[in-house]
Amino acid sequence: MTDPRVDADIKLKRARLQETLDELEERLDVKKRATEVGDKAKESYNDNPVPYYLVAGAVVAVVGGLVAWALFTND
């Protein structure tokens, strides 16, 4: 027969461990985190789309420059 205090302590530790595991599972849920990031990006874009246009323009300029360099140089 086991001591009731030991059994209670074991139950408490198991409950704490389960809480910790549940929290880790929540934090490491990649799909949920990706959805949150996407939602924040959409909200940010809706609030002020100008930075997104600037980044898109910079990407187009860089890619266009690389394509032009590749086509018109003899390296």
Protein backbone atom coordinates (compact mmCIF):
# COMPACT_ATOMS: atom_id res chain seq x y z
CA MET A 1 0.00 0.00 0.00
CA THR A 2 1.32 3.43 -0.93
CA ASP A 3 1.29 6.59 1.05
CA PRO A 4 -1.66 8.85 0.07
CA ARG A 5 0.67 11.87 0.14
CA VAL A 6 2.94 10.22 -2.43
CA ASP A 7 -0.05 9.41 -4.64
CA ALA A 8 -1.28 13.01 -4.38
CA ASP A 9 2.21 14.31 -5.20
CA ILE A 10 2.42 12.04 -8.24
CA LYS A 11 -1.01 13.21 -9.44
CA LEU A 12 0.01 16.84 -9.04
CA LYS A 13 3.28 16.31 -10.93
CA ARG A 14 1.47 14.48 -13.74
CA ALA A 15 -1.05 17.31 -14.01
CA ARG A 16 1.76 19.90 -14.18
CA LEU A 17 3.60 17.85 -16.78
CA GLN A 18 0.44 17.57 -18.87
CA GLU A 19 -0.07 21.34 -18.67
CA THR A 20 3.53 21.88 -19.81
CA LEU A 21 3.12 19.43 -22.69
CA ASP A 22 -0.15 21.08 -23.76
CA GLU A 23 1.53 24.51 -23.71
CA LEU A 24 4.47 23.23 -25.76
CA GLU A 25 2.10 21.65 -28.28
CA GLU A 26 0.25 24.96 -28.59
CA ARG A 27 3.46 26.95 -29.09
CA LEU A 28 4.91 24.52 -31.63
CA ASP A 29 1.77 24.25 -33.77
CA VAL A 30 3.32 25.34 -37.08
CA LYS A 31 0.04 25.60 -38.97
CA LYS A 32 -1.47 27.83 -36.30
CA ARG A 33 1.64 30.04 -36.12
CA ALA A 34 1.70 30.37 -39.93
CA THR A 35 -1.96 31.37 -39.94
CA GLU A 36 -1.30 33.99 -37.26
CA VAL A 37 1.65 35.42 -39.22
CA GLY A 38 -0.44 35.54 -42.39
CA ASP A 39 -3.28 37.28 -40.57
CA LYS A 40 -0.86 39.86 -39.13
CA ALA A 41 0.64 40.47 -42.57
CA LYS A 42 -2.82 40.97 -44.11
CA GLU A 43 -3.78 43.37 -41.34
CA SER A 44 -0.53 45.28 -41.75
CA TYR A 45 -1.03 45.50 -45.51
CA ASN A 46 -4.60 46.74 -45.05
CA ASP A 47 -3.38 49.39 -42.59
CA ASN A 48 -0.57 50.68 -44.87
CA PRO A 49 0.25 48.98 -48.19
CA VAL A 50 3.04 51.43 -49.18
CA PRO A 51 5.95 49.44 -47.64
CA TYR A 52 4.76 46.32 -49.48
CA TYR A 53 4.74 48.22 -52.78
CA LEU A 54 8.25 49.53 -52.09
CA VAL A 55 9.57 46.05 -51.34
CA ALA A 56 7.86 44.64 -54.44
CA GLY A 57 9.38 47.41 -56.55
CA ALA A 58 12.84 46.75 -55.11
CA VAL A 59 12.52 43.02 -55.82
CA VAL A 60 11.45 43.72 -59.41
CA ALA A 61 14.38 46.12 -59.85
CA VAL A 62 16.90 43.63 -58.49
CA VAL A 63 15.56 40.71 -60.51
CA GLY A 64 15.36 42.89 -63.63
CA GLY A 65 18.92 44.05 -63.07
CA LEU A 66 20.16 40.50 -62.67
CA VAL A 67 18.36 39.37 -65.82
CA ALA A 68 19.75 42.33 -67.78
CA TRP A 69 23.25 41.65 -66.45
CA ALA A 70 22.98 38.00 -67.42
CA LEU A 71 21.74 38.82 -70.92
CA PHE A 72 24.00 41.73 -71.81
CA THR A 73 27.37 40.85 -70.33
CA ASN A 74 30.00 38.56 -71.72
CA ASP A 75 31.16 37.06 -68.43
